Each structure stands twice: as C-alpha cells, then as structure tokens.
C-alpha cells in the first residue's frame, strides 16, 4: 500500500483529497480508494494491491459492474490514509 500512496503523492492534489480505506469483503482484506471526480471511478484493491474492481464512479456512476455487492457486504471500515496536502 505504501507504493500506492507514493503513486498518489506523485500526482497533483485530488479534489476531494485522496483517501484509502481498509475493509473486510468476502472474508478478505481489501482497500478502497474513492472516486476523485464525477467521471473517474473508484478502485478496490486486494491485499497485494491488485485491482479487483471499480465499485462506483465513472461515466455511469456505478463503476465497472464487477462488484455491485461491495457496499452492502463490506465491513470493518478503517481510514488508513488521507492526503493532507492542500491545492
């Protein structure tokens, strides 16, 4: 996850600021990076930072449709990182 944070910090400041949440989903630890704007989808990563899906966001607002159950089935939310830079 540290590499993913470094990637985000190498970009300009997101609006809203980037955040990474940890959840339990289908018995596994996953990391959720919320969408940063209307047409940019969110990203759900497994514990090895491999992309699982995009639960929401994008042009239609509902992500890539590969994990529509994420928001109903996720548990144990924990904010693990938030970009504190200012635009």
PDB file of N, CA and C in Angstrom:
ATOM      1  N   UNK A   1       0.823  -1.188   0.000  1.00  0.00           N
ATOM      2  CA  UNK A   1       0.000   0.000   0.000  1.00  0.00           C
ATOM      3  C   UNK A   1       0.871   1.258   0.000  1.00  0.00           C
ATOM      4  N   UNK A   2       2.056   1.162   0.552  1.00  0.00           N
ATOM      5  CA  UNK A   2       2.954   2.321   0.551  1.00  0.00           C
ATOM      6  C   UNK A   2       3.287   2.765  -0.873  1.00  0.00           C
ATOM      7  N   UNK A   3       3.442   1.813  -1.791  1.00  0.00           N
ATOM      8  CA  UNK A   3       3.713   2.165  -3.183  1.00  0.00           C
ATOM      9  C   UNK A   3       2.530   2.890  -3.808  1.00  0.00           C
ATOM     10  N   UNK A   4       1.312   2.453  -3.478  1.00  0.00           N
ATOM     11  CA  UNK A   4       0.112   3.108  -3.991  1.00  0.00           C
ATOM     12  C   UNK A   4       0.035   4.540  -3.462  1.00  0.00           C
ATOM     13  N   UNK A   5       0.370   4.744  -2.203  1.00  0.00           N
ATOM     14  CA  UNK A   5       0.380   6.096  -1.629  1.00  0.00           C
ATOM     15  C   UNK A   5       1.418   6.957  -2.341  1.00  0.00           C
ATOM     16  N   UNK A   6       2.583   6.403  -2.608  1.00  0.00           N
ATOM     17  CA  UNK A   6       3.616   7.148  -3.332  1.00  0.00           C
ATOM     18  C   UNK A   6       3.136   7.549  -4.723  1.00  0.00           C
ATOM     19  N   UNK A   7       2.416   6.650  -5.395  1.00  0.00           N
ATOM     20  CA  UNK A   7       1.868   6.959  -6.712  1.00  0.00           C
ATOM     21  C   UNK A   7       0.905   8.146  -6.623  1.00  0.00           C
ATOM     22  N   UNK A   8       0.043   8.128  -5.637  1.00  0.00           N
ATOM     23  CA  UNK A   8      -0.926   9.208  -5.469  1.00  0.00           C
ATOM     24  C   UNK A   8      -0.213  10.524  -5.164  1.00  0.00           C
ATOM     25  N   UNK A   9       0.783  10.470  -4.296  1.00  0.00           N
ATOM     26  CA  UNK A   9       1.518  11.687  -3.930  1.00  0.00           C
ATOM     27  C   UNK A   9       2.323  12.252  -5.098  1.00  0.00           C
ATOM     28  N   UNK A  10       2.661  11.416  -6.081  1.00  0.00           N
ATOM     29  CA  UNK A  10       3.393  11.885  -7.253  1.00  0.00           C
ATOM     30  C   UNK A  10       2.492  12.677  -8.205  1.00  0.00           C
ATOM     31  N   UNK A  11       1.176  12.543  -8.015  1.00  0.00           N
ATOM     32  CA  UNK A  11       0.206  13.281  -8.814  1.00  0.00           C
ATOM     33  C   UNK A  11      -0.113  14.605  -8.130  1.00  0.00           C
ATOM     34  N   UNK A  12      -0.853  15.441  -8.806  1.00  0.00           N
ATOM     35  CA  UNK A  12      -1.341  16.657  -8.174  1.00  0.00           C
ATOM     36  C   UNK A  12      -2.353  16.313  -7.095  1.00  0.00           C
ATOM     37  N   UNK A  13      -2.673  17.279  -6.271  1.00  0.00           N
ATOM     38  CA  UNK A  13      -3.642  17.062  -5.189  1.00  0.00           C
ATOM     39  C   UNK A  13      -5.019  16.796  -5.790  1.00  0.00           C
ATOM     40  N   UNK A  14      -5.669  15.746  -5.334  1.00  0.00           N
ATOM     41  CA  UNK A  14      -7.011  15.413  -5.803  1.00  0.00           C
ATOM     42  C   UNK A  14      -8.024  16.320  -5.123  1.00  0.00           C
ATOM     43  N   UNK A  15      -9.145  16.515  -5.766  1.00  0.00           N
ATOM     44  CA  UNK A  15     -10.238  17.272  -5.160  1.00  0.00           C
ATOM     45  C   UNK A  15     -11.515  16.475  -5.338  1.00  0.00           C
ATOM     46  N   UNK A  16     -12.019  15.826  -4.292  1.00  0.00           N
ATOM     47  CA  UNK A  16     -11.592  15.882  -2.904  1.00  0.00           C
ATOM     48  C   UNK A  16     -10.267  15.132  -2.690  1.00  0.00           C
ATOM     49  N   UNK A  17      -9.598  15.401  -1.563  1.00  0.00           N
ATOM     50  CA  UNK A  17      -8.311  14.762  -1.283  1.00  0.00           C
ATOM     51  C   UNK A  17      -8.409  13.232  -1.284  1.00  0.00           C
ATOM     52  N   UNK A  18      -7.348  12.586  -1.722  1.00  0.00           N
ATOM     53  CA  UNK A  18      -7.295  11.125  -1.778  1.00  0.00           C
ATOM     54  C   UNK A  18      -7.390  10.525  -0.379  1.00  0.00           C
ATOM     55  N   UNK A  19      -8.097   9.399  -0.301  1.00  0.00           N
ATOM     56  CA  UNK A  19      -8.222   8.626   0.945  1.00  0.00           C
ATOM     57  C   UNK A  19      -8.125   7.155   0.584  1.00  0.00           C
ATOM     58  N   UNK A  20      -7.649   6.370   1.521  1.00  0.00           N
ATOM     59  CA  UNK A  20      -7.630   4.920   1.360  1.00  0.00           C
ATOM     60  C   UNK A  20      -8.267   4.312   2.602  1.00  0.00           C
ATOM     61  N   UNK A  21      -9.257   3.470   2.366  1.00  0.00           N
ATOM     62  CA  UNK A  21      -9.962   2.772   3.447  1.00  0.00           C
ATOM     63  C   UNK A  21      -9.649   1.284   3.370  1.00  0.00           C
ATOM     64  N   UNK A  22      -9.594   0.656   4.531  1.00  0.00           N
ATOM     65  CA  UNK A  22      -9.442  -0.804   4.600  1.00  0.00           C
ATOM     66  C   UNK A  22     -10.774  -1.390   5.038  1.00  0.00           C
ATOM     67  N   UNK A  23     -11.166  -2.483   4.417  1.00  0.00           N
ATOM     68  CA  UNK A  23     -12.401  -3.184   4.749  1.00  0.00           C
ATOM     69  C   UNK A  23     -12.150  -4.684   4.760  1.00  0.00           C
ATOM     70  N   UNK A  24     -13.123  -5.413   5.273  1.00  0.00           N
ATOM     71  CA  UNK A  24     -13.216  -6.848   5.067  1.00  0.00           C
ATOM     72  C   UNK A  24     -14.339  -7.034   4.055  1.00  0.00           C
ATOM     73  N   UNK A  25     -14.060  -7.806   3.007  1.00  0.00           N
ATOM     74  CA  UNK A  25     -15.046  -8.052   1.953  1.00  0.00           C
ATOM     75  C   UNK A  25     -14.872  -9.486   1.479  1.00  0.00           C
ATOM     76  N   UNK A  26     -15.927 -10.257   1.590  1.00  0.00           N
ATOM     77  CA  UNK A  26     -15.896 -11.677   1.221  1.00  0.00           C
ATOM     78  C   UNK A  26     -14.780 -12.420   1.951  1.00  0.00           C
ATOM     79  N   UNK A  27     -14.573 -12.066   3.226  1.00  0.00           N
ATOM     80  CA  UNK A  27     -13.583 -12.736   4.056  1.00  0.00           C
ATOM     81  C   UNK A  27     -12.150 -12.305   3.837  1.00  0.00           C
ATOM     82  N   UNK A  28     -11.934 -11.339   2.977  1.00  0.00           N
ATOM     83  CA  UNK A  28     -10.590 -10.877   2.647  1.00  0.00           C
ATOM     84  C   UNK A  28     -10.401  -9.414   3.029  1.00  0.00           C
ATOM     85  N   UNK A  29      -9.152  -9.016   3.265  1.00  0.00           N
ATOM     86  CA  UNK A  29      -8.823  -7.612   3.487  1.00  0.00           C
ATOM     87  C   UNK A  29      -8.710  -6.939   2.127  1.00  0.00           C
ATOM     88  N   UNK A  30      -9.422  -5.820   1.973  1.00  0.00           N
ATOM     89  CA  UNK A  30      -9.389  -5.067   0.719  1.00  0.00           C
ATOM     90  C   UNK A  30      -9.171  -3.590   1.039  1.00  0.00           C
ATOM     91  N   UNK A  31      -8.768  -2.855   0.020  1.00  0.00           N
ATOM     92  CA  UNK A  31      -8.507  -1.417   0.160  1.00  0.00           C
ATOM     93  C   UNK A  31      -9.323  -0.677  -0.890  1.00  0.00           C
ATOM     94  N   UNK A  32     -10.025   0.337  -0.444  1.00  0.00           N
ATOM     95  CA  UNK A  32     -10.926   1.101  -1.301  1.00  0.00           C
ATOM     96  C   UNK A  32     -10.406   2.528  -1.427  1.00  0.00           C
ATOM     97  N   UNK A  33     -10.231   2.963  -2.670  1.00  0.00           N
ATOM     98  CA  UNK A  33      -9.833   4.341  -2.950  1.00  0.00           C
ATOM     99  C   UNK A  33     -11.026   4.989  -3.641  1.00  0.00           C
ATOM    100  N   UNK A  34     -11.747   5.893  -2.947  1.00  0.00           N
ATOM    101  CA  UNK A  34     -12.945   6.506  -3.522  1.00  0.00           C
ATOM    102  C   UNK A  34     -12.646   7.284  -4.795  1.00  0.00           C
ATOM    103  N   UNK A  35     -13.691   7.442  -5.593  1.00  0.00           N
ATOM    104  CA  UNK A  35     -13.561   8.233  -6.824  1.00  0.00           C
ATOM    105  C   UNK A  35     -13.138   9.643  -6.471  1.00  0.00           C
ATOM    106  N   UNK A  36     -12.408  10.266  -7.369  1.00  0.00           N
ATOM    107  CA  UNK A  36     -11.938  11.617  -7.080  1.00  0.00           C
ATOM    108  C   UNK A  36     -12.724  12.665  -7.834  1.00  0.00           C
ATOM    109  N   UNK A  37     -13.508  12.235  -8.782  1.00  0.00           N
ATOM    110  CA  UNK A  37     -14.330  13.185  -9.538  1.00  0.00           C
ATOM    111  C   UNK A  37     -15.443  12.401 -10.209  1.00  0.00           C
ATOM    112  N   UNK A  38     -16.323  13.131 -10.797  1.00  0.00           N
ATOM    113  CA  UNK A  38     -17.534  12.558 -11.399  1.00  0.00           C
ATOM    114  C   UNK A  38     -17.279  11.445 -12.411  1.00  0.00           C
ATOM    115  N   UNK A  39     -16.289  11.555 -13.253  1.00  0.00           N
ATOM    116  CA  UNK A  39     -16.094  10.535 -14.289  1.00  0.00           C
ATOM    117  C   UNK A  39     -14.897   9.620 -14.053  1.00  0.00           C
ATOM    118  N   UNK A  40     -14.269   9.713 -12.895  1.00  0.00           N
ATOM    119  CA  UNK A  40     -13.128   8.854 -12.564  1.00  0.00           C
ATOM    120  C   UNK A  40     -13.607   7.811 -11.550  1.00  0.00           C
ATOM    121  N   UNK A  41     -13.570   6.526 -11.905  1.00  0.00           N
ATOM    122  CA  UNK A  41     -14.091   5.507 -11.000  1.00  0.00           C
ATOM    123  C   UNK A  41     -13.225   5.285  -9.763  1.00  0.00           C
ATOM    124  N   UNK A  42     -13.859   4.749  -8.742  1.00  0.00           N
ATOM    125  CA  UNK A  42     -13.142   4.325  -7.542  1.00  0.00           C
ATOM    126  C   UNK A  42     -12.360   3.060  -7.879  1.00  0.00           C
ATOM    127  N   UNK A  43     -11.524   2.628  -6.928  1.00  0.00           N
ATOM    128  CA  UNK A  43     -10.735   1.406  -7.137  1.00  0.00           C
ATOM    129  C   UNK A  43     -10.785   0.567  -5.864  1.00  0.00           C
ATOM    130  N   UNK A  44     -11.022  -0.727  -6.032  1.00  0.00           N
ATOM    131  CA  UNK A  44     -10.965  -1.678  -4.936  1.00  0.00           C
ATOM    132  C   UNK A  44      -9.793  -2.605  -5.201  1.00  0.00           C
ATOM    133  N   UNK A  45      -8.882  -2.677  -4.232  1.00  0.00           N
ATOM    134  CA  UNK A  45      -7.653  -3.466  -4.366  1.00  0.00           C
ATOM    135  C   UNK A  45      -7.645  -4.605  -3.367  1.00  0.00           C
ATOM    136  N   UNK A  46      -7.000  -5.707  -3.732  1.00  0.00           N
ATOM    137  CA  UNK A  46      -6.808  -6.785  -2.768  1.00  0.00           C
ATOM    138  C   UNK A  46      -5.595  -6.457  -1.896  1.00  0.00           C
ATOM    139  N   UNK A  47      -5.252  -7.351  -0.984  1.00  0.00           N
ATOM    140  CA  UNK A  47      -4.162  -7.054  -0.051  1.00  0.00           C
ATOM    141  C   UNK A  47      -2.801  -6.970  -0.724  1.00  0.00           C
ATOM    142  N   UNK A  48      -2.697  -7.408  -1.984  1.00  0.00           N
ATOM    143  CA  UNK A  48      -1.455  -7.297  -2.748  1.00  0.00           C
ATOM    144  C   UNK A  48      -1.484  -6.123  -3.725  1.00  0.00           C
ATOM    145  N   UNK A  49      -2.495  -5.268  -3.590  1.00  0.00           N
ATOM    146  CA  UNK A  49      -2.695  -4.077  -4.431  1.00  0.00           C
ATOM    147  C   UNK A  49      -3.082  -4.402  -5.871  1.00  0.00           C
ATOM    148  N   UNK A  50      -3.581  -5.601  -6.112  1.00  0.00           N
ATOM    149  CA  UNK A  50      -4.126  -5.927  -7.432  1.00  0.00           C
ATOM    150  C   UNK A  50      -5.555  -5.406  -7.500  1.00  0.00           C
ATOM    151  N   UNK A  51      -5.930  -4.834  -8.625  1.00  0.00           N
ATOM    152  CA  UNK A  51      -7.274  -4.282  -8.788  1.00  0.00           C
ATOM    153  C   UNK A  51      -8.303  -5.406  -8.849  1.00  0.00           C
ATOM    154  N   UNK A  52      -9.333  -5.279  -8.011  1.00  0.00           N
ATOM    155  CA  UNK A  52     -10.450  -6.218  -8.011  1.00  0.00           C
ATOM    156  C   UNK A  52     -11.553  -5.680  -8.917  1.00  0.00           C
ATOM    157  N   UNK A  53     -11.899  -4.414  -8.723  1.00  0.00           N
ATOM    158  CA  UNK A  53     -12.986  -3.804  -9.473  1.00  0.00           C
ATOM    159  C   UNK A  53     -13.033  -2.309  -9.185  1.00  0.00           C
ATOM    160  N   UNK A  54     -14.023  -1.664  -9.797  1.00  0.00           N
ATOM    161  CA  UNK A  54     -14.343  -0.260  -9.516  1.00  0.00           C
ATOM    162  C   UNK A  54     -15.791  -0.238  -9.036  1.00  0.00           C
ATOM    163  N   UNK A  55     -16.014  -0.168  -7.715  1.00  0.00           N
ATOM    164  CA  UNK A  55     -17.367  -0.265  -7.178  1.00  0.00           C
ATOM    165  C   UNK A  55     -18.308   0.878  -7.565  1.00  0.00           C
ATOM    166  N   UNK A  56     -17.769   2.064  -7.790  1.00  0.00           N
ATOM    167  CA  UNK A  56     -18.628   3.193  -8.128  1.00  0.00           C
ATOM    168  C   UNK A  56     -17.848   4.212  -8.942  1.00  0.00           C
ATOM    169  N   UNK A  57     -18.543   5.248  -9.373  1.00  0.00           N
ATOM    170  CA  UNK A  57     -17.921   6.301 -10.158  1.00  0.00           C
ATOM    171  C   UNK A  57     -17.890   5.961 -11.633  1.00  0.00           C
ATOM    172  N   UNK A  58     -17.147   6.738 -12.383  1.00  0.00           N
ATOM    173  CA  UNK A  58     -17.110   6.587 -13.826  1.00  0.00           C
ATOM    174  C   UNK A  58     -18.277   7.316 -14.467  1.00  0.00           C
ATOM    175  N   UNK A  59     -18.407   7.204 -15.773  1.00  0.00           N
ATOM    176  CA  UNK A  59     -19.430   7.957 -16.502  1.00  0.00           C
ATOM    177  C   UNK A  59     -20.843   7.621 -16.054  1.00  0.00           C
ATOM    178  N   UNK A  60     -21.133   6.355 -15.799  1.00  0.00           N
ATOM    179  CA  UNK A  60     -22.478   5.959 -15.382  1.00  0.00           C
ATOM    180  C   UNK A  60     -22.706   6.053 -13.886  1.00  0.00           C
ATOM    181  N   UNK A  61     -21.624   6.221 -13.117  1.00  0.00           N
ATOM    182  CA  UNK A  61     -21.740   6.344 -11.672  1.00  0.00           C
ATOM    183  C   UNK A  61     -21.726   5.037 -10.905  1.00  0.00           C
ATOM    184  N   UNK A  62     -21.833   3.917 -11.613  1.00  0.00           N
ATOM    185  CA  UNK A  62     -21.896   2.637 -10.909  1.00  0.00           C
ATOM    186  C   UNK A  62     -20.655   1.779 -11.116  1.00  0.00           C
ATOM    187  N   UNK A  63     -19.534   2.406 -11.429  1.00  0.00           N
ATOM    188  CA  UNK A  63     -18.277   1.676 -11.577  1.00  0.00           C
ATOM    189  C   UNK A  63     -18.279   0.754 -12.775  1.00  0.00           C
ATOM    190  N   UNK A  64     -17.517  -0.337 -12.654  1.00  0.00           N
ATOM    191  CA  UNK A  64     -17.407  -1.269 -13.783  1.00  0.00           C
ATOM    192  C   UNK A  64     -18.396  -2.428 -13.704  1.00  0.00           C
ATOM    193  N   UNK A  65     -19.222  -2.472 -12.655  1.00  0.00           N
ATOM    194  CA  UNK A  65     -20.241  -3.507 -12.526  1.00  0.00           C
ATOM    195  C   UNK A  65     -19.721  -4.859 -12.086  1.00  0.00           C
ATOM    196  N   UNK A  66     -18.433  -4.958 -11.753  1.00  0.00           N
ATOM    197  CA  UNK A  66     -17.841  -6.244 -11.384  1.00  0.00           C
ATOM    198  C   UNK A  66     -18.022  -6.611  -9.920  1.00  0.00           C
ATOM    199  N   UNK A  67     -18.406  -5.638  -9.087  1.00  0.00           N
ATOM    200  CA  UNK A  67     -18.594  -5.946  -7.658  1.00  0.00           C
ATOM    201  C   UNK A  67     -19.730  -5.082  -7.083  1.00  0.00           C
ATOM    202  N   UNK A  68     -20.944  -5.220  -7.622  1.00  0.00           N
ATOM    203  CA  UNK A  68     -22.054  -4.384  -7.171  1.00  0.00           C
ATOM    204  C   UNK A  68     -22.436  -4.611  -5.704  1.00  0.00           C
ATOM    205  N   UNK A  69     -22.030  -5.733  -5.135  1.00  0.00           N
ATOM    206  CA  UNK A  69     -22.369  -6.059  -3.757  1.00  0.00           C
ATOM    207  C   UNK A  69     -21.397  -5.453  -2.737  1.00  0.00           C
ATOM    208  N   UNK A  70     -20.348  -4.794  -3.191  1.00  0.00           N
ATOM    209  CA  UNK A  70     -19.318  -4.288  -2.280  1.00  0.00           C
ATOM    210  C   UNK A  70     -19.892  -3.416  -1.170  1.00  0.00           C
ATOM    211  N   UNK A  71     -20.716  -2.445  -1.508  1.00  0.00           N
ATOM    212  CA  UNK A  71     -21.204  -1.507  -0.496  1.00  0.00           C
ATOM    213  C   UNK A  71     -22.144  -2.161   0.513  1.00  0.00           C
ATOM    214  N   UNK A  72     -22.859  -3.218   0.122  1.00  0.00           N
ATOM    215  CA  UNK A  72     -23.752  -3.914   1.048  1.00  0.00           C
ATOM    216  C   UNK A  72     -23.006  -4.911   1.923  1.00  0.00           C
ATOM    217  N   UNK A  73     -21.941  -5.504   1.394  1.00  0.00           N
ATOM    218  CA  UNK A  73     -21.264  -6.603   2.093  1.00  0.00           C
ATOM    219  C   UNK A  73     -19.984  -6.211   2.825  1.00  0.00           C
ATOM    220  N   UNK A  74     -19.462  -5.037   2.589  1.00  0.00           N
ATOM    221  CA  UNK A  74     -18.212  -4.632   3.245  1.00  0.00           C
ATOM    222  C   UNK A  74     -18.428  -4.467   4.747  1.00  0.00           C
ATOM    223  N   UNK A  75     -17.349  -4.611   5.507  1.00  0.00           N
ATOM    224  CA  UNK A  75     -17.425  -4.419   6.965  1.00  0.00           C
ATOM    225  C   UNK A  75     -16.060  -3.967   7.474  1.00  0.00           C
ATOM    226  N   UNK A  76     -16.024  -3.588   8.736  1.00  0.00           N
ATOM    227  CA  UNK A  76     -14.781  -3.213   9.424  1.00  0.00           C
ATOM    228  C   UNK A  76     -14.057  -2.044   8.759  1.00  0.00           C
ATOM    229  N   UNK A  77     -14.794  -0.995   8.447  1.00  0.00           N
ATOM    230  CA  UNK A  77     -14.182   0.176   7.804  1.00  0.00           C
ATOM    231  C   UNK A  77     -13.122   0.818   8.685  1.00  0.00           C
ATOM    232  N   UNK A  78     -11.994   1.137   8.064  1.00  0.00           N
ATOM    233  CA  UNK A  78     -10.930   1.877   8.746  1.00  0.00           C
ATOM    234  C   UNK A  78     -10.237   2.770   7.732  1.00  0.00           C
ATOM    235  N   UNK A  79     -10.244   4.068   7.999  1.00  0.00           N
ATOM    236  CA  UNK A  79      -9.487   5.005   7.172  1.00  0.00           C
ATOM    237  C   UNK A  79      -8.020   4.800   7.511  1.00  0.00           C
ATOM    238  N   UNK A  80      -7.209   4.409   6.522  1.00  0.00           N
ATOM    239  CA  UNK A  80      -5.802   4.150   6.824  1.00  0.00           C
ATOM    240  C   UNK A  80      -4.873   5.239   6.316  1.00  0.00           C
ATOM    241  N   UNK A  81      -5.374   6.085   5.387  1.00  0.00           N
ATOM    242  CA  UNK A  81      -4.530   7.174   4.894  1.00  0.00           C
ATOM    243  C   UNK A  81      -5.397   8.231   4.254  1.00  0.00           C
ATOM    244  N   UNK A  82      -4.995   9.498   4.467  1.00  0.00           N
ATOM    245  CA  UNK A  82      -5.658  10.616   3.813  1.00  0.00           C
ATOM    246  C   UNK A  82      -4.603  11.626   3.408  1.00  0.00           C
ATOM    247  N   UNK A  83      -4.665  12.096   2.179  1.00  0.00           N
ATOM    248  CA  UNK A  83      -3.721  13.078   1.679  1.00  0.00           C
ATOM    249  C   UNK A  83      -4.013  14.407   2.363  1.00  0.00           C
ATOM    250  N   UNK A  84      -3.034  14.928   3.088  1.00  0.00           N
ATOM    251  CA  UNK A  84      -3.242  16.184   3.818  1.00  0.00           C
ATOM    252  C   UNK A  84      -2.662  17.395   3.095  1.00  0.00           C
ATOM    253  N   UNK A  85      -2.246  17.197   1.829  1.00  0.00           N
ATOM    254  CA  UNK A  85      -1.757  18.340   1.050  1.00  0.00           C
ATOM    255  C   UNK A  85      -2.931  19.234   0.682  1.00  0.00           C
ATOM    256  N   UNK A  86      -2.636  20.485   0.406  1.00  0.00           N
ATOM    257  CA  UNK A  86      -3.667  21.433   0.012  1.00  0.00           C
ATOM    258  C   UNK A  86      -3.436  21.889  -1.416  1.00  0.00           C
ATOM    259  N   UNK A  87      -4.530  22.109  -2.175  1.00  0.00           N
ATOM    260  CA  UNK A  87      -4.369  22.562  -3.581  1.00  0.00           C
ATOM    261  C   UNK A  87      -3.726  23.920  -3.668  1.00  0.00           C
TER     262      UNK A  87
END
